[in-house]
Amino acid sequence: MPQSGQPLFLARRSYRRRRLMDAARLLPVLGMVLFALPGLWHPAETPTPDTGRGGLYLFAVWIGLIFAAFLIARGLGPVLDAEELPEEGNAPQQEPE
């Protein structure tokens, strides 16, 4: 295998950005799965439903999803801001009035 000095894999920054974007896409799916789990729990030994524990679980999952979305958005923020800036050669020119 000839070594030409070129890296075999993606640059670390672009690889991490793509994985963060993948995580942002999968977060709603993870949320749906976690919200559906209380429906699969077996009821307690009492005939009344155990809504207290289920409510606490749903609230904890909700807070966890918000925190995960915050971390993902914070990681992607500088990258997305840099993409919005116009490039030097492609800056839109204003027409003279």
N, C-alpha and C. Protein backbone atom coordinates (compact mmCIF):
# COMPACT_ATOMS: atom_id res chain seq x y z
N MET A 1 0.85 -1.17 0.00
CA MET A 1 0.00 0.00 0.00
C MET A 1 0.90 1.24 0.00
N PRO A 2 0.82 2.04 -1.03
CA PRO A 2 1.67 3.23 -1.09
C PRO A 2 1.19 4.31 -0.13
N GLN A 3 2.16 4.95 0.49
CA GLN A 3 1.81 6.03 1.40
C GLN A 3 2.11 7.35 0.73
N SER A 4 1.06 8.09 0.42
CA SER A 4 1.23 9.36 -0.28
C SER A 4 1.17 10.55 0.66
N GLY A 5 1.04 10.32 1.95
CA GLY A 5 0.97 11.42 2.89
C GLY A 5 -0.43 11.95 3.10
N GLN A 6 -1.38 11.46 2.33
CA GLN A 6 -2.76 11.87 2.48
C GLN A 6 -3.44 11.03 3.56
N PRO A 7 -4.29 11.64 4.39
CA PRO A 7 -4.97 10.84 5.41
C PRO A 7 -5.99 9.90 4.77
N LEU A 8 -6.10 8.72 5.35
CA LEU A 8 -7.05 7.73 4.84
C LEU A 8 -8.48 8.06 5.25
N PHE A 9 -8.63 8.68 6.39
CA PHE A 9 -9.95 8.92 6.93
C PHE A 9 -10.28 10.40 6.87
N LEU A 10 -11.53 10.72 7.24
CA LEU A 10 -11.95 12.12 7.26
C LEU A 10 -11.21 12.89 8.33
N ALA A 11 -11.18 14.16 8.18
CA ALA A 11 -10.58 15.01 9.21
C ALA A 11 -11.41 14.87 10.48
N ARG A 12 -10.76 15.00 11.59
CA ARG A 12 -11.43 14.78 12.87
C ARG A 12 -12.59 15.75 13.07
N ARG A 13 -12.41 17.01 12.69
CA ARG A 13 -13.46 18.01 12.91
C ARG A 13 -14.71 17.70 12.07
N SER A 14 -14.53 17.36 10.80
CA SER A 14 -15.69 17.07 9.96
C SER A 14 -16.34 15.75 10.37
N TYR A 15 -15.55 14.79 10.84
CA TYR A 15 -16.11 13.53 11.31
C TYR A 15 -16.99 13.76 12.53
N ARG A 16 -16.49 14.54 13.49
CA ARG A 16 -17.29 14.82 14.69
C ARG A 16 -18.54 15.62 14.34
N ARG A 17 -18.44 16.57 13.40
CA ARG A 17 -19.61 17.34 13.00
C ARG A 17 -20.68 16.43 12.39
N ARG A 18 -20.26 15.51 11.56
CA ARG A 18 -21.23 14.59 10.95
C ARG A 18 -21.86 13.67 11.98
N ARG A 19 -21.08 13.23 12.96
CA ARG A 19 -21.66 12.37 14.01
C ARG A 19 -22.64 13.16 14.89
N LEU A 20 -22.35 14.43 15.14
CA LEU A 20 -23.28 15.26 15.89
C LEU A 20 -24.57 15.48 15.10
N MET A 21 -24.44 15.65 13.79
CA MET A 21 -25.63 15.80 12.96
C MET A 21 -26.45 14.50 12.94
N ASP A 22 -25.77 13.36 12.92
CA ASP A 22 -26.47 12.08 13.01
C ASP A 22 -27.19 11.94 14.35
N ALA A 23 -26.53 12.36 15.42
CA ALA A 23 -27.15 12.29 16.74
C ALA A 23 -28.38 13.20 16.80
N ALA A 24 -28.31 14.36 16.17
CA ALA A 24 -29.45 15.27 16.15
C ALA A 24 -30.62 14.64 15.39
N ARG A 25 -30.32 13.88 14.35
CA ARG A 25 -31.39 13.22 13.59
C ARG A 25 -32.01 12.06 14.36
N LEU A 26 -31.21 11.38 15.16
CA LEU A 26 -31.70 10.21 15.90
C LEU A 26 -32.34 10.55 17.24
N LEU A 27 -32.17 11.77 17.72
CA LEU A 27 -32.70 12.14 19.02
C LEU A 27 -34.23 12.00 19.09
N PRO A 28 -35.01 12.42 18.09
CA PRO A 28 -36.46 12.21 18.17
C PRO A 28 -36.86 10.73 18.21
N VAL A 29 -36.12 9.90 17.49
CA VAL A 29 -36.41 8.46 17.50
C VAL A 29 -36.14 7.88 18.88
N LEU A 30 -35.02 8.27 19.47
CA LEU A 30 -34.71 7.83 20.82
C LEU A 30 -35.78 8.30 21.81
N GLY A 31 -36.23 9.53 21.65
CA GLY A 31 -37.29 10.05 22.51
C GLY A 31 -38.58 9.25 22.39
N MET A 32 -38.96 8.88 21.18
CA MET A 32 -40.19 8.09 21.01
C MET A 32 -40.06 6.73 21.67
N VAL A 33 -38.91 6.11 21.52
CA VAL A 33 -38.70 4.80 22.13
C VAL A 33 -38.75 4.90 23.66
N LEU A 34 -38.07 5.91 24.20
CA LEU A 34 -38.06 6.07 25.66
C LEU A 34 -39.43 6.44 26.21
N PHE A 35 -40.21 7.23 25.47
CA PHE A 35 -41.56 7.57 25.92
C PHE A 35 -42.51 6.38 25.82
N ALA A 36 -42.24 5.44 24.94
CA ALA A 36 -43.11 4.28 24.79
C ALA A 36 -42.82 3.19 25.84
N LEU A 37 -41.67 3.24 26.47
CA LEU A 37 -41.30 2.20 27.43
C LEU A 37 -42.27 2.03 28.61
N PRO A 38 -42.82 3.08 29.21
CA PRO A 38 -43.73 2.86 30.33
C PRO A 38 -44.96 2.03 29.97
N GLY A 39 -45.34 2.03 28.72
CA GLY A 39 -46.46 1.19 28.29
C GLY A 39 -46.13 -0.29 28.33
N LEU A 40 -44.86 -0.63 28.34
CA LEU A 40 -44.44 -2.02 28.36
C LEU A 40 -44.15 -2.53 29.78
N TRP A 41 -44.11 -1.63 30.75
CA TRP A 41 -43.84 -2.04 32.12
C TRP A 41 -44.96 -2.92 32.64
N HIS A 42 -44.59 -3.87 33.44
CA HIS A 42 -45.59 -4.70 34.09
C HIS A 42 -46.16 -3.94 35.28
N PRO A 43 -47.46 -4.07 35.53
CA PRO A 43 -48.04 -3.35 36.66
C PRO A 43 -47.47 -3.86 37.98
N ALA A 44 -47.56 -3.02 38.99
CA ALA A 44 -47.09 -3.41 40.32
C ALA A 44 -48.00 -4.50 40.89
N GLU A 45 -47.69 -4.95 42.07
CA GLU A 45 -48.48 -6.01 42.68
C GLU A 45 -49.86 -5.54 43.09
N THR A 46 -50.07 -4.24 43.15
CA THR A 46 -51.38 -3.70 43.50
C THR A 46 -52.21 -3.52 42.23
N PRO A 47 -53.52 -3.56 42.32
CA PRO A 47 -54.34 -3.41 41.12
C PRO A 47 -54.38 -1.97 40.58
N THR A 48 -54.00 -0.99 41.38
CA THR A 48 -54.01 0.39 40.90
C THR A 48 -52.74 0.65 40.09
N PRO A 49 -52.84 1.48 39.05
CA PRO A 49 -51.65 1.75 38.23
C PRO A 49 -50.61 2.56 39.00
N ASP A 50 -49.38 2.35 38.65
CA ASP A 50 -48.27 3.01 39.30
C ASP A 50 -47.92 4.27 38.49
N THR A 51 -48.79 5.27 38.56
CA THR A 51 -48.61 6.47 37.75
C THR A 51 -47.51 7.38 38.28
N GLY A 52 -47.24 7.34 39.56
CA GLY A 52 -46.21 8.20 40.12
C GLY A 52 -44.84 7.91 39.53
N ARG A 53 -44.47 6.65 39.52
CA ARG A 53 -43.17 6.27 38.99
C ARG A 53 -43.11 6.52 37.48
N GLY A 54 -44.20 6.24 36.78
CA GLY A 54 -44.23 6.49 35.33
C GLY A 54 -44.14 7.97 35.01
N GLY A 55 -44.80 8.79 35.81
CA GLY A 55 -44.73 10.23 35.60
C GLY A 55 -43.33 10.77 35.84
N LEU A 56 -42.70 10.30 36.89
CA LEU A 56 -41.32 10.73 37.17
C LEU A 56 -40.38 10.28 36.05
N TYR A 57 -40.60 9.07 35.55
CA TYR A 57 -39.77 8.56 34.45
C TYR A 57 -39.93 9.44 33.21
N LEU A 58 -41.17 9.74 32.84
CA LEU A 58 -41.40 10.56 31.64
C LEU A 58 -40.80 11.96 31.81
N PHE A 59 -40.93 12.54 33.00
CA PHE A 59 -40.35 13.85 33.25
C PHE A 59 -38.82 13.79 33.15
N ALA A 60 -38.22 12.75 33.68
CA ALA A 60 -36.75 12.61 33.62
C ALA A 60 -36.29 12.42 32.18
N VAL A 61 -37.03 11.63 31.39
CA VAL A 61 -36.66 11.44 29.98
C VAL A 61 -36.79 12.75 29.23
N TRP A 62 -37.85 13.50 29.51
CA TRP A 62 -38.07 14.78 28.85
C TRP A 62 -36.92 15.74 29.14
N ILE A 63 -36.52 15.84 30.41
CA ILE A 63 -35.41 16.70 30.78
C ILE A 63 -34.11 16.20 30.13
N GLY A 64 -33.91 14.90 30.10
CA GLY A 64 -32.71 14.34 29.47
C GLY A 64 -32.64 14.65 27.98
N LEU A 65 -33.79 14.58 27.29
CA LEU A 65 -33.81 14.90 25.87
C LEU A 65 -33.52 16.38 25.63
N ILE A 66 -34.05 17.23 26.49
CA ILE A 66 -33.77 18.66 26.36
C ILE A 66 -32.28 18.92 26.56
N PHE A 67 -31.68 18.30 27.56
CA PHE A 67 -30.26 18.47 27.84
C PHE A 67 -29.41 17.93 26.68
N ALA A 68 -29.79 16.78 26.13
CA ALA A 68 -29.05 16.22 25.00
C ALA A 68 -29.16 17.12 23.78
N ALA A 69 -30.35 17.66 23.52
CA ALA A 69 -30.51 18.57 22.39
C ALA A 69 -29.70 19.84 22.59
N PHE A 70 -29.62 20.33 23.83
CA PHE A 70 -28.81 21.50 24.13
C PHE A 70 -27.33 21.24 23.83
N LEU A 71 -26.84 20.08 24.27
CA LEU A 71 -25.43 19.76 24.03
C LEU A 71 -25.12 19.60 22.55
N ILE A 72 -26.03 18.96 21.82
CA ILE A 72 -25.82 18.78 20.38
C ILE A 72 -25.85 20.13 19.68
N ALA A 73 -26.82 20.97 20.04
CA ALA A 73 -26.91 22.29 19.41
C ALA A 73 -25.69 23.14 19.74
N ARG A 74 -25.19 23.02 20.95
CA ARG A 74 -24.01 23.79 21.34
C ARG A 74 -22.78 23.31 20.56
N GLY A 75 -22.70 22.01 20.32
CA GLY A 75 -21.58 21.48 19.54
C GLY A 75 -21.65 21.84 18.08
N LEU A 76 -22.88 21.95 17.55
CA LEU A 76 -23.04 22.29 16.14
C LEU A 76 -23.10 23.79 15.89
N GLY A 77 -23.30 24.57 16.92
CA GLY A 77 -23.47 26.02 16.76
C GLY A 77 -22.35 26.71 16.02
N PRO A 78 -21.09 26.57 16.45
CA PRO A 78 -20.01 27.27 15.74
C PRO A 78 -19.86 26.80 14.29
N VAL A 79 -20.13 25.56 14.03
CA VAL A 79 -20.00 25.03 12.67
C VAL A 79 -21.07 25.63 11.77
N LEU A 80 -22.29 25.69 12.26
CA LEU A 80 -23.38 26.24 11.46
C LEU A 80 -23.22 27.74 11.27
N ASP A 81 -22.69 28.45 12.27
CA ASP A 81 -22.44 29.88 12.11
C ASP A 81 -21.39 30.14 11.05
N ALA A 82 -20.37 29.31 10.99
CA ALA A 82 -19.31 29.48 10.01
C ALA A 82 -19.81 29.21 8.59
N GLU A 83 -20.79 28.31 8.45
CA GLU A 83 -21.33 28.01 7.12
C GLU A 83 -22.20 29.13 6.60
N GLU A 84 -22.78 29.94 7.48
CA GLU A 84 -23.66 31.02 7.05
C GLU A 84 -22.90 32.24 6.55
N LEU A 85 -21.62 32.37 6.92
CA LEU A 85 -20.84 33.51 6.48
C LEU A 85 -20.55 33.39 4.99
N PRO A 86 -20.66 34.49 4.25
CA PRO A 86 -20.34 34.41 2.81
C PRO A 86 -18.85 34.25 2.61
N GLU A 87 -18.50 33.53 1.57
CA GLU A 87 -17.09 33.35 1.24
C GLU A 87 -16.58 34.63 0.60
N GLU A 88 -15.27 34.79 0.60
CA GLU A 88 -14.67 36.03 0.10
C GLU A 88 -14.98 36.27 -1.38
N GLY A 89 -14.86 35.24 -2.20
CA GLY A 89 -15.07 35.41 -3.63
C GLY A 89 -16.54 35.39 -4.04
N ASN A 90 -17.41 34.87 -3.19
CA ASN A 90 -18.81 34.70 -3.55
C ASN A 90 -19.72 35.65 -2.79
N ALA A 91 -19.22 36.75 -2.28
CA ALA A 91 -20.04 37.68 -1.52
C ALA A 91 -21.03 38.36 -2.46
N PRO A 92 -22.28 38.48 -2.04
CA PRO A 92 -23.25 39.14 -2.90
C PRO A 92 -22.91 40.62 -3.07
N GLN A 93 -22.99 41.09 -4.30
CA GLN A 93 -22.66 42.47 -4.57
C GLN A 93 -23.93 43.27 -4.70
N GLN A 94 -23.91 44.49 -4.18
CA GLN A 94 -25.07 45.35 -4.26
C GLN A 94 -25.02 46.13 -5.56
N GLU A 95 -26.18 46.30 -6.16
CA GLU A 95 -26.25 47.05 -7.40
C GLU A 95 -26.26 48.53 -7.08
N PRO A 96 -25.58 49.33 -7.86
CA PRO A 96 -25.60 50.78 -7.61
C PRO A 96 -26.96 51.34 -7.92
N GLU A 97 -27.35 52.33 -7.14
CA GLU A 97 -28.68 52.93 -7.34
C GLU A 97 -28.64 54.09 -8.28
